[in-house]
């Protein structure tokens, strides 16, 4: 709007002519910043108590398992998964609150802006998103499964280290350092490293596919804008604004692509850790249980 006003020599510019676009710009900035600060305040106020409660409830649930349960699982694996629950919650919340939601809002603003310029432009962008989203979903679902498997392998490796440290004097007494190290290295190289590399392979594949779609989307958008300008459906100001704004829009789509991938990876890690709370409890105290006095 401002470019069209400034480039029209027949208009006598006054403050009233530029008042609407200026107010729209100021209003959008104030709205985004206010919403973000309110959300940030609520996050800072609520998260410490939630994290403490997560640890407390996870520990209390684990205490409800029988003696036989702890005989069949490494204590280090239990500790690793409780830590993984807290880390997984933090990572998932950070990804959703600070990254995915933020990018989604920016993409939504881009949709509204394109709609104001020309509905055909909005339909064109939505069509591209309909192509982009299924591709991301298919690749992300595979990464989710691999992330879950990799996390399980990492928990087992940490459990082996934790148990060896706990029993370090026994290992010293029986001169079993080399044996335990070989056992750990075998798991790291044959299981955890293999799964980790496979996950990275699919992440690289997803990145290559995303790069191709990124370039094709930007080139096709440029050609579509040229056609609209030749047909006289948009002004020069619309063309300049859209092509400048297109870089921002495509960048947000690209960021959203990576943030969703990271969220899926964190979700797989969290599910792997959360499995310890899905095991059925064997020892549950009665509601009216009396306190043992020693």
Protein backbone atom coordinates (compact mmCIF):
# COMPACT_ATOMS: atom_id res chain seq x y z
CA UNK A 1 0.00 0.00 0.00
CA UNK A 2 2.76 2.43 0.91
CA UNK A 3 4.78 1.62 -2.21
CA UNK A 4 1.76 2.32 -4.43
CA UNK A 5 1.10 5.59 -2.63
CA UNK A 6 4.71 6.72 -2.84
CA UNK A 7 5.08 5.71 -6.51
CA UNK A 8 1.93 7.50 -7.74
CA UNK A 9 2.98 11.00 -8.91
CA UNK A 10 -0.63 12.18 -9.23
CA UNK A 11 -1.28 11.86 -5.49
CA UNK A 12 -0.57 14.57 -2.96
CA UNK A 13 0.68 12.65 0.04
CA UNK A 14 -0.94 13.48 3.35
CA UNK A 15 -0.84 11.80 6.70
CA UNK A 16 -4.45 10.62 6.27
CA UNK A 17 -3.51 8.60 3.18
CA UNK A 18 -0.80 6.62 4.96
CA UNK A 19 -2.67 6.35 8.27
CA UNK A 20 -4.28 2.95 7.55
CA UNK A 21 -1.10 1.02 6.56
CA UNK A 22 0.81 2.61 9.45
CA UNK A 23 -1.87 1.61 11.94
CA UNK A 24 -1.96 -1.92 10.51
CA UNK A 25 1.79 -2.22 10.93
CA UNK A 26 1.85 -0.84 14.47
CA UNK A 27 -1.17 -2.93 15.48
CA UNK A 28 0.37 -6.17 14.22
CA UNK A 29 3.67 -5.52 16.02
CA UNK A 30 1.97 -4.59 19.31
CA UNK A 31 -0.36 -7.60 19.11
CA UNK A 32 2.47 -10.08 18.48
CA UNK A 33 4.73 -8.66 21.19
CA UNK A 34 1.94 -8.45 23.77
CA UNK A 35 0.79 -12.01 23.10
CA UNK A 36 4.35 -13.31 23.28
CA UNK A 37 5.13 -11.55 26.60
CA UNK A 38 1.91 -12.80 28.21
CA UNK A 39 2.69 -16.33 27.08
CA UNK A 40 6.28 -16.01 28.32
CA UNK A 41 5.11 -14.79 31.73
CA UNK A 42 2.73 -17.73 32.13
CA UNK A 43 5.47 -20.14 31.09
CA UNK A 44 7.98 -18.75 33.60
CA UNK A 45 5.41 -18.83 36.39
CA UNK A 46 4.12 -22.36 35.85
CA UNK A 47 7.07 -24.46 34.69
CA UNK A 48 9.18 -24.78 37.91
CA UNK A 49 6.33 -26.30 39.92
CA UNK A 50 5.31 -28.56 37.01
CA UNK A 51 8.83 -29.95 36.65
CA UNK A 52 9.08 -30.62 40.38
CA UNK A 53 5.71 -32.39 40.35
CA UNK A 54 6.74 -34.51 37.35
CA UNK A 55 9.80 -35.81 39.21
CA UNK A 56 7.82 -36.42 42.41
CA UNK A 57 5.00 -38.32 40.70
CA UNK A 58 7.37 -40.38 38.56
CA UNK A 59 9.37 -41.42 41.62
CA UNK A 60 6.25 -42.26 43.64
CA UNK A 61 4.92 -44.38 40.77
CA UNK A 62 8.17 -46.31 40.44
CA UNK A 63 8.07 -47.05 44.17
CA UNK A 64 4.85 -48.98 43.58
CA UNK A 65 6.67 -51.74 41.69
CA UNK A 66 7.48 -55.06 43.35
CA UNK A 67 10.89 -56.37 44.32
CA UNK A 68 10.81 -58.69 41.32
CA UNK A 69 10.43 -55.73 38.97
CA UNK A 70 13.69 -54.19 40.19
CA UNK A 71 15.45 -57.54 39.85
CA UNK A 72 14.62 -57.62 36.14
CA UNK A 73 15.66 -54.04 35.29
CA UNK A 74 18.86 -52.13 35.82
CA UNK A 75 18.61 -49.40 38.43
CA UNK A 76 20.55 -47.07 36.14
CA UNK A 77 17.90 -47.54 33.47
CA UNK A 78 15.18 -46.51 35.93
CA UNK A 79 17.10 -43.35 36.87
CA UNK A 80 17.88 -42.60 33.21
CA UNK A 81 14.22 -42.85 32.21
CA UNK A 82 13.02 -40.64 35.07
CA UNK A 83 15.59 -38.05 33.96
CA UNK A 84 14.45 -38.60 30.38
CA UNK A 85 10.85 -37.80 31.36
CA UNK A 86 11.88 -34.43 32.78
CA UNK A 87 14.20 -33.64 29.87
CA UNK A 88 11.59 -34.84 27.39
CA UNK A 89 8.93 -32.62 28.93
CA UNK A 90 11.26 -29.60 28.83
CA UNK A 91 12.29 -30.24 25.23
CA UNK A 92 8.74 -30.85 24.03
CA UNK A 93 7.35 -27.79 25.77
CA UNK A 94 10.19 -25.61 24.48
CA UNK A 95 9.70 -26.92 20.93
CA UNK A 96 5.94 -26.35 21.01
CA UNK A 97 5.93 -23.00 22.84
CA UNK A 98 9.02 -21.28 21.44
CA UNK A 99 9.42 -22.79 18.01
CA UNK A 100 6.50 -24.63 16.41
CA UNK A 101 3.76 -22.29 17.68
CA UNK A 102 5.83 -19.20 16.88
CA UNK A 103 6.45 -20.36 13.30
CA UNK A 104 2.79 -21.33 12.87
CA UNK A 105 1.67 -17.85 13.91
CA UNK A 106 4.11 -16.25 11.49
CA UNK A 107 2.89 -18.51 8.68
CA UNK A 108 -0.72 -17.59 9.55
CA UNK A 109 0.16 -13.89 9.33
CA UNK A 110 1.69 -14.55 5.92
CA UNK A 111 -1.51 -16.27 4.78
CA UNK A 112 -3.59 -13.27 5.89
CA UNK A 113 -1.23 -10.86 4.12
CA UNK A 114 -1.32 -12.85 0.89
CA UNK A 115 -5.11 -12.96 1.12
CA UNK A 116 -5.28 -9.16 1.39
CA UNK A 117 -3.14 -8.80 -1.73
CA UNK A 118 -4.91 -11.34 -3.95
CA UNK A 119 -7.01 -14.43 -3.26
CA UNK A 120 -5.34 -16.30 -6.13
CA UNK A 121 -2.03 -15.80 -4.35
CA UNK A 122 -3.46 -17.21 -1.13
CA UNK A 123 -4.85 -20.26 -2.95
CA UNK A 124 -1.48 -20.79 -4.63
CA UNK A 125 0.39 -20.76 -1.30
CA UNK A 126 -2.17 -23.04 0.38
CA UNK A 127 -1.83 -25.52 -2.50
CA UNK A 128 1.92 -25.63 -2.00
CA UNK A 129 1.45 -26.23 1.72
CA UNK A 130 -0.88 -29.13 0.93
CA UNK A 131 2.00 -30.68 -1.03
CA UNK A 132 4.61 -29.84 1.59
CA UNK A 133 2.83 -31.09 4.72
CA UNK A 134 2.24 -34.74 3.63
CA UNK A 135 5.92 -35.08 2.66
CA UNK A 136 6.98 -33.80 6.07
CA UNK A 137 4.55 -36.14 7.79
CA UNK A 138 5.78 -39.24 5.96
CA UNK A 139 9.44 -38.58 6.71
CA UNK A 140 8.78 -37.44 10.28
CA UNK A 141 6.84 -40.59 11.16
CA UNK A 142 9.89 -42.70 10.29
CA UNK A 143 12.18 -40.41 12.31
CA UNK A 144 9.78 -40.71 15.28
CA UNK A 145 10.10 -44.50 15.32
CA UNK A 146 13.88 -44.38 14.94
CA UNK A 147 14.16 -41.76 17.70
CA UNK A 148 12.22 -44.02 20.05
CA UNK A 149 14.53 -46.94 19.32
CA UNK A 150 17.67 -44.81 19.65
CA UNK A 151 16.51 -43.47 23.02
CA UNK A 152 15.90 -46.98 24.32
CA UNK A 153 19.43 -47.91 23.33
CA UNK A 154 20.82 -44.78 25.05
CA UNK A 155 18.91 -45.56 28.24
CA UNK A 156 20.42 -49.04 28.25
CA UNK A 157 23.93 -47.65 27.74
CA UNK A 158 23.51 -45.17 30.60
CA UNK A 159 22.10 -47.95 32.77
CA UNK A 160 25.19 -50.05 32.14
CA UNK A 161 27.46 -47.16 33.10
CA UNK A 162 25.42 -46.31 36.22
CA UNK A 163 25.36 -49.90 37.44
CA UNK A 164 29.09 -50.30 36.86
CA UNK A 165 29.79 -47.13 38.84
CA UNK A 166 27.52 -48.36 41.64
CA UNK A 167 29.38 -51.69 41.75
CA UNK A 168 32.81 -50.24 41.02
CA UNK A 169 34.46 -51.87 44.07
CA UNK A 170 33.20 -55.30 42.98
CA UNK A 171 34.59 -54.67 39.51
CA UNK A 172 37.95 -53.71 41.03
CA UNK A 173 37.94 -56.79 43.27
CA UNK A 174 37.38 -59.20 40.39
CA UNK A 175 39.56 -57.28 37.87
CA UNK A 176 36.58 -56.99 35.54
CA UNK A 177 37.28 -53.52 34.13
CA UNK A 178 38.27 -54.73 30.67
CA UNK A 179 35.32 -57.11 30.49
CA UNK A 180 32.78 -54.44 31.44
CA UNK A 181 34.36 -51.91 29.07
CA UNK A 182 34.21 -54.41 26.21
CA UNK A 183 30.58 -55.17 27.02
CA UNK A 184 29.70 -51.47 26.99
CA UNK A 185 31.64 -50.75 23.78
CA UNK A 186 29.92 -53.66 22.04
CA UNK A 187 26.51 -52.20 22.88
CA UNK A 188 27.57 -48.70 21.85
CA UNK A 189 28.99 -49.67 18.47
CA UNK A 190 26.64 -52.48 17.44
CA UNK A 191 23.36 -51.10 18.77
CA UNK A 192 23.28 -47.43 19.77
CA UNK A 193 25.65 -46.11 17.09
CA UNK A 194 23.91 -48.13 14.37
CA UNK A 195 20.46 -46.81 15.32
CA UNK A 196 21.80 -43.27 15.71
CA UNK A 197 23.35 -43.32 12.24
CA UNK A 198 20.15 -44.69 10.72
CA UNK A 199 18.16 -41.85 12.29
CA UNK A 200 20.64 -39.26 11.00
CA UNK A 201 20.39 -40.82 7.53
CA UNK A 202 16.63 -40.23 7.43
CA UNK A 203 17.04 -36.71 8.80
CA UNK A 204 19.48 -35.90 5.99
CA UNK A 205 17.04 -37.38 3.46
CA UNK A 206 14.26 -35.22 4.91
CA UNK A 207 16.50 -32.14 4.63
CA UNK A 208 17.30 -32.84 0.96
CA UNK A 209 13.62 -33.28 0.13
CA UNK A 210 12.78 -30.09 2.02
CA UNK A 211 15.50 -28.16 0.14
CA UNK A 212 14.10 -29.27 -3.22
CA UNK A 213 10.58 -28.24 -2.24
CA UNK A 214 11.93 -24.95 -0.85
CA UNK A 215 13.57 -23.99 -4.16
CA UNK A 216 10.68 -25.14 -6.37
CA UNK A 217 8.16 -23.28 -4.20
CA UNK A 218 10.13 -20.03 -4.35
CA UNK A 219 10.71 -20.21 -8.11
CA UNK A 220 7.09 -21.06 -8.87
CA UNK A 221 5.87 -18.24 -6.61
CA UNK A 222 8.08 -15.79 -8.49
CA UNK A 223 6.72 -16.92 -11.87
CA UNK A 224 3.15 -16.79 -10.57
CA UNK A 225 3.66 -13.19 -9.34
CA UNK A 226 5.09 -12.19 -12.72
CA UNK A 227 2.00 -13.62 -14.44
CA UNK A 228 -0.34 -11.73 -12.08
CA UNK A 229 1.56 -8.48 -12.76
CA UNK A 230 1.46 -9.02 -16.54
CA UNK A 231 -2.29 -9.67 -16.34
CA UNK A 232 -2.71 -6.46 -14.34
CA UNK A 233 -4.21 -8.24 -11.34
CA UNK A 234 -1.66 -6.81 -8.90
CA UNK A 235 0.13 -3.50 -8.69
CA UNK A 236 3.86 -2.85 -8.66
CA UNK A 237 3.69 -2.29 -4.92
CA UNK A 238 1.95 -5.65 -4.46
CA UNK A 239 4.66 -7.34 -6.53
CA UNK A 240 7.52 -5.75 -4.59
CA UNK A 241 5.92 -6.45 -1.23
CA UNK A 242 5.01 -10.04 -2.07
CA UNK A 243 8.44 -10.98 -3.40
CA UNK A 244 10.11 -9.40 -0.37
CA UNK A 245 7.59 -11.06 1.93
CA UNK A 246 7.94 -14.37 0.09
CA UNK A 247 11.49 -14.80 1.40
CA UNK A 248 10.19 -14.36 4.92
CA UNK A 249 7.28 -16.75 4.31
CA UNK A 250 9.40 -19.50 2.75
CA UNK A 251 11.97 -19.09 5.53
CA UNK A 252 9.22 -19.60 8.13
CA UNK A 253 8.01 -22.71 6.27
CA UNK A 254 11.59 -23.97 6.30
CA UNK A 255 11.98 -23.20 10.02
CA UNK A 256 8.64 -24.88 10.73
CA UNK A 257 9.89 -27.90 8.81
CA UNK A 258 12.97 -28.21 11.03
CA UNK A 259 11.10 -27.42 14.25
CA UNK A 260 8.49 -30.10 13.56
CA UNK A 261 11.31 -32.57 12.90
CA UNK A 262 12.92 -31.65 16.22
CA UNK A 263 9.55 -31.93 17.97
CA UNK A 264 9.00 -35.41 16.50
CA UNK A 265 12.47 -36.44 17.65
CA UNK A 266 11.81 -35.14 21.17
CA UNK A 267 8.45 -36.90 21.16
CA UNK A 268 10.16 -40.20 20.38
CA UNK A 269 12.67 -39.64 23.21
CA UNK A 270 9.87 -38.74 25.61
CA UNK A 271 7.82 -41.82 24.72
CA UNK A 272 10.84 -44.05 25.31
CA UNK A 273 11.35 -42.56 28.79
CA UNK A 274 7.64 -42.53 29.59
CA UNK A 275 7.44 -46.29 29.11
CA UNK A 276 8.61 -46.75 32.71
CA UNK A 277 5.34 -45.22 33.90
CA UNK A 278 3.31 -47.57 31.71
CA UNK A 279 4.50 -50.67 33.56
CA UNK A 280 1.76 -52.01 35.82
CA UNK A 281 2.29 -51.44 39.54
CA UNK A 282 2.50 -54.52 41.77
CA UNK A 283 2.72 -52.91 45.18
CA UNK A 284 0.05 -50.32 45.94
CA UNK A 285 -0.48 -49.01 49.46
CA UNK A 286 -3.96 -49.10 50.90
CA UNK A 287 -5.76 -45.83 51.25
CA UNK A 288 -6.12 -46.31 55.01
CA UNK A 289 -2.62 -47.76 55.53
CA UNK A 290 -1.15 -46.99 58.96
CA UNK A 291 2.22 -45.34 59.35
CA UNK A 292 4.95 -47.78 60.46
CA UNK A 293 6.45 -46.64 63.75
CA UNK A 294 10.07 -47.66 64.34
